[in-house]
Amino acid sequence: KDTNNGSGSKNNQNSKQEISPLVGDIGATRLSTALIHNTHLLYLNLSRNDIGIEGGVALAKSLYSQITDGRSNNEVFQSKTVLRVLNLSHNQICTKGAMAFAQALRHNTSLNELKLSTNRIQLEGVLAL
């Protein structure tokens, strides 16, 4: 779109690149790394941020860890974060992401509320949750 800038010359606004304010998969994946070390944040609202499969799975995995117990050699799961509420409503998280959260919720003891409304989760993911 050409516009006149008031000085008689025209600027081409189509050449401007806009940076998306949305977190998306890349931002969610980066944020998941920070959540592993979180000791203070209790509520995180990431609704309406265009988070899809990759970001959803990364966030789910940040909620717990799987380690091997040195004494018994058994796999042990533990919470990784103190987060109490995670709002991921109105994103693009699908069944695979829901399955990852179902796995995380089995082992995370701090998260009390997970909001996943208005995502692309099919029946298999709903049942797993």
N, C-alpha and C. Protein backbone atom coordinates (compact mmCIF):
# COMPACT_ATOMS: atom_id res chain seq x y z
N LYS A 1 0.85 -1.17 0.00
CA LYS A 1 0.00 0.00 0.00
C LYS A 1 0.88 1.23 0.00
N ASP A 2 0.70 2.09 -0.95
CA ASP A 2 1.46 3.34 -1.01
C ASP A 2 0.70 4.43 -0.28
N THR A 3 1.42 5.18 0.54
CA THR A 3 0.80 6.30 1.25
C THR A 3 1.66 7.53 1.08
N ASN A 4 1.04 8.66 1.16
CA ASN A 4 1.74 9.91 1.07
C ASN A 4 2.12 10.32 2.49
N ASN A 5 3.40 10.59 2.73
CA ASN A 5 3.84 10.92 4.08
C ASN A 5 3.72 12.40 4.41
N GLY A 6 3.05 13.16 3.60
CA GLY A 6 2.84 14.57 3.85
C GLY A 6 3.88 15.46 3.21
N SER A 7 4.98 14.91 2.77
CA SER A 7 6.02 15.72 2.15
C SER A 7 5.98 15.59 0.64
N GLY A 8 4.97 14.92 0.14
CA GLY A 8 4.85 14.76 -1.30
C GLY A 8 5.45 13.46 -1.80
N SER A 9 6.28 12.81 -0.99
CA SER A 9 6.85 11.52 -1.43
C SER A 9 6.01 10.39 -0.86
N LYS A 10 6.08 9.25 -1.51
CA LYS A 10 5.28 8.11 -1.10
C LYS A 10 6.17 7.06 -0.43
N ASN A 11 5.61 6.39 0.57
CA ASN A 11 6.29 5.29 1.24
C ASN A 11 5.58 3.99 0.90
N ASN A 12 6.33 2.97 0.70
CA ASN A 12 5.75 1.65 0.45
C ASN A 12 5.69 0.89 1.77
N GLN A 13 4.48 0.76 2.34
CA GLN A 13 4.31 0.10 3.63
C GLN A 13 4.39 -1.42 3.51
N ASN A 14 4.27 -1.97 2.32
CA ASN A 14 4.35 -3.42 2.16
C ASN A 14 5.75 -3.95 2.44
N SER A 15 6.76 -3.10 2.41
CA SER A 15 8.12 -3.55 2.64
C SER A 15 8.42 -3.72 4.13
N LYS A 16 7.55 -3.25 4.99
CA LYS A 16 7.75 -3.39 6.43
C LYS A 16 7.46 -4.82 6.86
N GLN A 17 8.32 -5.33 7.73
CA GLN A 17 8.08 -6.65 8.29
C GLN A 17 7.58 -6.48 9.70
N GLU A 18 6.50 -7.16 10.01
CA GLU A 18 5.95 -7.06 11.34
C GLU A 18 6.36 -8.28 12.16
N ILE A 19 6.68 -8.04 13.40
CA ILE A 19 7.04 -9.12 14.31
C ILE A 19 5.78 -9.53 15.05
N SER A 20 5.50 -10.81 15.03
CA SER A 20 4.29 -11.31 15.68
C SER A 20 4.44 -11.23 17.20
N PRO A 21 3.41 -10.73 17.87
CA PRO A 21 3.45 -10.68 19.33
C PRO A 21 3.10 -12.03 19.97
N LEU A 22 2.79 -13.02 19.14
CA LEU A 22 2.38 -14.32 19.65
C LEU A 22 3.59 -15.17 20.01
N VAL A 23 3.43 -16.00 21.00
CA VAL A 23 4.51 -16.86 21.48
C VAL A 23 4.84 -17.94 20.46
N GLY A 24 3.82 -18.64 19.96
CA GLY A 24 4.01 -19.69 18.97
C GLY A 24 4.80 -20.87 19.51
N ASP A 25 5.13 -21.81 18.64
CA ASP A 25 5.86 -23.01 19.05
C ASP A 25 7.28 -22.70 19.49
N ILE A 26 7.94 -21.80 18.79
CA ILE A 26 9.34 -21.49 19.14
C ILE A 26 9.41 -20.85 20.53
N GLY A 27 8.56 -19.89 20.77
CA GLY A 27 8.54 -19.24 22.08
C GLY A 27 8.14 -20.18 23.20
N ALA A 28 7.15 -21.04 22.93
CA ALA A 28 6.71 -22.00 23.94
C ALA A 28 7.82 -23.00 24.27
N THR A 29 8.56 -23.41 23.25
CA THR A 29 9.67 -24.34 23.48
C THR A 29 10.76 -23.67 24.32
N ARG A 30 11.07 -22.42 24.01
CA ARG A 30 12.06 -21.69 24.81
C ARG A 30 11.57 -21.47 26.24
N LEU A 31 10.30 -21.14 26.37
CA LEU A 31 9.72 -20.92 27.68
C LEU A 31 9.72 -22.20 28.51
N SER A 32 9.52 -23.34 27.86
CA SER A 32 9.51 -24.61 28.58
C SER A 32 10.86 -24.88 29.26
N THR A 33 11.94 -24.45 28.63
CA THR A 33 13.27 -24.59 29.23
C THR A 33 13.37 -23.76 30.50
N ALA A 34 12.83 -22.56 30.47
CA ALA A 34 12.85 -21.70 31.66
C ALA A 34 11.96 -22.26 32.76
N LEU A 35 10.84 -22.87 32.40
CA LEU A 35 9.92 -23.40 33.41
C LEU A 35 10.54 -24.52 34.24
N ILE A 36 11.49 -25.24 33.65
CA ILE A 36 12.15 -26.32 34.38
C ILE A 36 12.82 -25.78 35.65
N HIS A 37 13.31 -24.55 35.58
CA HIS A 37 14.03 -23.94 36.70
C HIS A 37 13.15 -22.99 37.51
N ASN A 38 11.86 -22.95 37.21
CA ASN A 38 10.94 -22.04 37.87
C ASN A 38 10.73 -22.42 39.33
N THR A 39 10.93 -21.46 40.22
CA THR A 39 10.65 -21.68 41.64
C THR A 39 9.67 -20.67 42.21
N HIS A 40 9.19 -19.73 41.38
CA HIS A 40 8.31 -18.68 41.89
C HIS A 40 6.99 -18.52 41.12
N LEU A 41 7.01 -18.70 39.82
CA LEU A 41 5.83 -18.46 39.00
C LEU A 41 4.77 -19.53 39.26
N LEU A 42 3.58 -19.08 39.68
CA LEU A 42 2.51 -20.01 40.01
C LEU A 42 1.41 -20.05 38.95
N TYR A 43 1.23 -18.96 38.21
CA TYR A 43 0.16 -18.85 37.21
C TYR A 43 0.76 -18.36 35.90
N LEU A 44 0.49 -19.07 34.82
CA LEU A 44 1.00 -18.67 33.51
C LEU A 44 -0.14 -18.73 32.50
N ASN A 45 -0.44 -17.60 31.89
CA ASN A 45 -1.50 -17.50 30.90
C ASN A 45 -0.87 -17.37 29.52
N LEU A 46 -0.96 -18.41 28.72
CA LEU A 46 -0.46 -18.41 27.34
C LEU A 46 -1.61 -18.61 26.35
N SER A 47 -2.80 -18.22 26.74
CA SER A 47 -3.95 -18.38 25.85
C SER A 47 -3.80 -17.47 24.64
N ARG A 48 -4.36 -17.90 23.52
CA ARG A 48 -4.37 -17.14 22.27
C ARG A 48 -2.96 -16.76 21.80
N ASN A 49 -2.06 -17.74 21.79
CA ASN A 49 -0.68 -17.49 21.41
C ASN A 49 -0.19 -18.36 20.27
N ASP A 50 -1.10 -19.00 19.54
CA ASP A 50 -0.75 -19.79 18.37
C ASP A 50 0.27 -20.89 18.70
N ILE A 51 0.10 -21.52 19.85
CA ILE A 51 0.97 -22.63 20.25
C ILE A 51 0.39 -23.91 19.68
N GLY A 52 1.21 -24.66 18.98
CA GLY A 52 0.78 -25.89 18.34
C GLY A 52 1.37 -27.13 18.99
N ILE A 53 1.54 -28.17 18.17
CA ILE A 53 2.00 -29.47 18.67
C ILE A 53 3.35 -29.35 19.37
N GLU A 54 4.32 -28.81 18.66
CA GLU A 54 5.70 -28.75 19.19
C GLU A 54 5.77 -27.98 20.50
N GLY A 55 5.15 -26.83 20.54
CA GLY A 55 5.16 -26.02 21.76
C GLY A 55 4.39 -26.67 22.89
N GLY A 56 3.26 -27.28 22.57
CA GLY A 56 2.46 -27.95 23.59
C GLY A 56 3.20 -29.13 24.21
N VAL A 57 3.84 -29.94 23.38
CA VAL A 57 4.60 -31.09 23.88
C VAL A 57 5.77 -30.61 24.73
N ALA A 58 6.46 -29.57 24.29
CA ALA A 58 7.59 -29.04 25.07
C ALA A 58 7.14 -28.53 26.43
N LEU A 59 6.01 -27.81 26.46
CA LEU A 59 5.49 -27.31 27.73
C LEU A 59 5.08 -28.48 28.64
N ALA A 60 4.47 -29.49 28.08
CA ALA A 60 4.07 -30.65 28.88
C ALA A 60 5.30 -31.33 29.48
N LYS A 61 6.33 -31.50 28.68
CA LYS A 61 7.55 -32.17 29.17
C LYS A 61 8.27 -31.35 30.23
N SER A 62 8.03 -30.05 30.25
CA SER A 62 8.68 -29.22 31.27
C SER A 62 8.05 -29.39 32.64
N LEU A 63 6.93 -30.07 32.72
CA LEU A 63 6.21 -30.23 33.98
C LEU A 63 6.72 -31.40 34.83
N TYR A 64 7.51 -32.29 34.25
CA TYR A 64 8.02 -33.43 35.03
C TYR A 64 9.34 -33.90 34.43
N SER A 65 10.06 -34.67 35.20
CA SER A 65 11.30 -35.26 34.69
C SER A 65 11.32 -36.75 35.04
N GLN A 66 12.05 -37.49 34.25
CA GLN A 66 12.21 -38.92 34.44
C GLN A 66 13.69 -39.16 34.74
N ILE A 67 13.96 -39.69 35.92
CA ILE A 67 15.33 -39.96 36.31
C ILE A 67 15.45 -41.42 36.76
N THR A 68 16.66 -41.90 36.80
CA THR A 68 16.90 -43.26 37.27
C THR A 68 17.38 -43.20 38.71
N ASP A 69 16.70 -43.92 39.58
CA ASP A 69 17.07 -44.00 40.98
C ASP A 69 18.37 -44.80 41.08
N GLY A 70 19.40 -44.20 41.64
CA GLY A 70 20.71 -44.84 41.73
C GLY A 70 20.74 -46.10 42.57
N ARG A 71 19.86 -46.18 43.56
CA ARG A 71 19.86 -47.35 44.45
C ARG A 71 19.15 -48.55 43.84
N SER A 72 17.99 -48.30 43.24
CA SER A 72 17.17 -49.42 42.74
C SER A 72 17.23 -49.57 41.22
N ASN A 73 17.84 -48.61 40.55
CA ASN A 73 17.88 -48.58 39.08
C ASN A 73 16.50 -48.49 38.44
N ASN A 74 15.50 -48.06 39.18
CA ASN A 74 14.14 -47.87 38.66
C ASN A 74 13.98 -46.46 38.12
N GLU A 75 13.09 -46.32 37.15
CA GLU A 75 12.74 -45.01 36.63
C GLU A 75 11.85 -44.30 37.65
N VAL A 76 12.19 -43.07 37.98
CA VAL A 76 11.44 -42.28 38.94
C VAL A 76 11.03 -40.99 38.24
N PHE A 77 9.79 -40.56 38.47
CA PHE A 77 9.29 -39.33 37.90
C PHE A 77 9.12 -38.30 39.00
N GLN A 78 9.38 -37.05 38.67
CA GLN A 78 9.21 -35.99 39.66
C GLN A 78 8.77 -34.70 38.98
N SER A 79 8.11 -33.84 39.76
CA SER A 79 7.70 -32.53 39.25
C SER A 79 8.93 -31.68 38.99
N LYS A 80 8.86 -30.86 37.95
CA LYS A 80 9.97 -29.98 37.63
C LYS A 80 9.67 -28.52 37.95
N THR A 81 8.45 -28.19 38.23
CA THR A 81 8.08 -26.78 38.37
C THR A 81 7.07 -26.63 39.51
N VAL A 82 6.96 -25.41 40.03
CA VAL A 82 5.97 -25.12 41.08
C VAL A 82 4.69 -24.54 40.49
N LEU A 83 4.61 -24.46 39.19
CA LEU A 83 3.46 -23.88 38.51
C LEU A 83 2.16 -24.54 38.99
N ARG A 84 1.16 -23.71 39.33
CA ARG A 84 -0.14 -24.22 39.82
C ARG A 84 -1.21 -24.18 38.73
N VAL A 85 -1.18 -23.14 37.88
CA VAL A 85 -2.19 -22.96 36.84
C VAL A 85 -1.49 -22.65 35.52
N LEU A 86 -1.87 -23.39 34.48
CA LEU A 86 -1.35 -23.16 33.13
C LEU A 86 -2.53 -23.03 32.18
N ASN A 87 -2.69 -21.84 31.61
CA ASN A 87 -3.80 -21.57 30.70
C ASN A 87 -3.27 -21.60 29.27
N LEU A 88 -3.68 -22.61 28.52
CA LEU A 88 -3.30 -22.76 27.11
C LEU A 88 -4.53 -22.77 26.21
N SER A 89 -5.61 -22.16 26.67
CA SER A 89 -6.84 -22.15 25.88
C SER A 89 -6.66 -21.33 24.60
N HIS A 90 -7.46 -21.63 23.60
CA HIS A 90 -7.46 -20.91 22.32
C HIS A 90 -6.11 -20.95 21.63
N ASN A 91 -5.52 -22.13 21.52
CA ASN A 91 -4.28 -22.33 20.80
C ASN A 91 -4.51 -23.40 19.73
N GLN A 92 -3.44 -23.99 19.24
CA GLN A 92 -3.53 -25.00 18.19
C GLN A 92 -3.03 -26.36 18.69
N ILE A 93 -3.08 -26.56 20.00
CA ILE A 93 -2.61 -27.81 20.58
C ILE A 93 -3.56 -28.92 20.17
N CYS A 94 -3.03 -30.00 19.67
CA CYS A 94 -3.87 -31.08 19.16
C CYS A 94 -3.79 -32.31 20.08
N THR A 95 -4.24 -33.42 19.58
CA THR A 95 -4.30 -34.65 20.36
C THR A 95 -2.93 -35.07 20.88
N LYS A 96 -1.88 -34.94 20.06
CA LYS A 96 -0.53 -35.30 20.50
C LYS A 96 -0.11 -34.46 21.70
N GLY A 97 -0.42 -33.19 21.68
CA GLY A 97 -0.12 -32.32 22.81
C GLY A 97 -0.91 -32.71 24.05
N ALA A 98 -2.18 -33.05 23.85
CA ALA A 98 -3.01 -33.49 24.97
C ALA A 98 -2.47 -34.77 25.59
N MET A 99 -1.99 -35.68 24.75
CA MET A 99 -1.40 -36.94 25.24
C MET A 99 -0.15 -36.64 26.07
N ALA A 100 0.64 -35.68 25.64
CA ALA A 100 1.84 -35.29 26.39
C ALA A 100 1.45 -34.69 27.75
N PHE A 101 0.40 -33.88 27.77
CA PHE A 101 -0.06 -33.32 29.04
C PHE A 101 -0.65 -34.40 29.94
N ALA A 102 -1.33 -35.37 29.38
CA ALA A 102 -1.86 -36.48 30.18
C ALA A 102 -0.72 -37.21 30.87
N GLN A 103 0.37 -37.46 30.15
CA GLN A 103 1.56 -38.10 30.73
C GLN A 103 2.14 -37.21 31.83
N ALA A 104 2.24 -35.92 31.57
CA ALA A 104 2.81 -34.99 32.55
C ALA A 104 1.98 -34.93 33.82
N LEU A 105 0.67 -34.94 33.67
CA LEU A 105 -0.21 -34.83 34.84
C LEU A 105 -0.14 -36.06 35.75
N ARG A 106 0.28 -37.18 35.19
CA ARG A 106 0.45 -38.39 36.01
C ARG A 106 1.59 -38.22 37.01
N HIS A 107 2.54 -37.36 36.68
CA HIS A 107 3.75 -37.26 37.48
C HIS A 107 3.96 -35.91 38.13
N ASN A 108 3.28 -34.88 37.67
CA ASN A 108 3.45 -33.55 38.23
C ASN A 108 2.50 -33.38 39.41
N THR A 109 3.04 -32.96 40.54
CA THR A 109 2.21 -32.84 41.75
C THR A 109 1.85 -31.39 42.06
N SER A 110 2.38 -30.43 41.32
CA SER A 110 2.11 -29.03 41.65
C SER A 110 0.99 -28.42 40.82
N LEU A 111 0.83 -28.83 39.57
CA LEU A 111 -0.17 -28.22 38.69
C LEU A 111 -1.57 -28.64 39.12
N ASN A 112 -2.39 -27.65 39.47
CA ASN A 112 -3.76 -27.91 39.90
C ASN A 112 -4.79 -27.67 38.80
N GLU A 113 -4.43 -26.81 37.85
CA GLU A 113 -5.40 -26.44 36.81
C GLU A 113 -4.68 -26.29 35.47
N LEU A 114 -5.17 -27.01 34.48
CA LEU A 114 -4.66 -26.94 33.12
C LEU A 114 -5.84 -26.59 32.21
N LYS A 115 -5.78 -25.44 31.57
CA LYS A 115 -6.87 -25.00 30.71
C LYS A 115 -6.48 -25.25 29.25
N LEU A 116 -7.25 -26.11 28.59
CA LEU A 116 -6.99 -26.47 27.20
C LEU A 116 -8.21 -26.28 26.31
N SER A 117 -9.15 -25.47 26.72
CA SER A 117 -10.36 -25.28 25.92
C SER A 117 -10.02 -24.61 24.59
N THR A 118 -10.82 -24.89 23.59
CA THR A 118 -10.69 -24.32 22.25
C THR A 118 -9.31 -24.57 21.66
N ASN A 119 -8.93 -25.84 21.65
CA ASN A 119 -7.75 -26.32 20.96
C ASN A 119 -8.22 -27.37 19.96
N ARG A 120 -7.33 -28.07 19.35
CA ARG A 120 -7.70 -29.06 18.33
C ARG A 120 -7.53 -30.49 18.85
N ILE A 121 -8.03 -30.70 20.05
CA ILE A 121 -7.88 -32.00 20.71
C ILE A 121 -9.05 -32.89 20.36
N GLN A 122 -8.73 -34.06 19.83
CA GLN A 122 -9.77 -35.02 19.46
C GLN A 122 -10.07 -35.94 20.64
N LEU A 123 -11.03 -36.83 20.47
CA LEU A 123 -11.52 -37.67 21.54
C LEU A 123 -10.42 -38.46 22.25
N GLU A 124 -9.47 -39.00 21.52
CA GLU A 124 -8.37 -39.77 22.12
C GLU A 124 -7.61 -38.93 23.15
N GLY A 125 -7.33 -37.69 22.80
CA GLY A 125 -6.63 -36.79 23.73
C GLY A 125 -7.48 -36.42 24.93
N VAL A 126 -8.77 -36.20 24.69
CA VAL A 126 -9.68 -35.87 25.78
C VAL A 126 -9.76 -37.02 26.77
N LEU A 127 -9.89 -38.23 26.26
CA LEU A 127 -9.98 -39.39 27.13
C LEU A 127 -8.69 -39.61 27.92
N ALA A 128 -7.55 -39.34 27.31
CA ALA A 128 -6.27 -39.49 28.01
C ALA A 128 -6.16 -38.50 29.17
N LEU A 129 -6.69 -37.30 28.95
CA LEU A 129 -6.64 -36.30 30.01
C LEU A 129 -7.59 -36.67 31.12
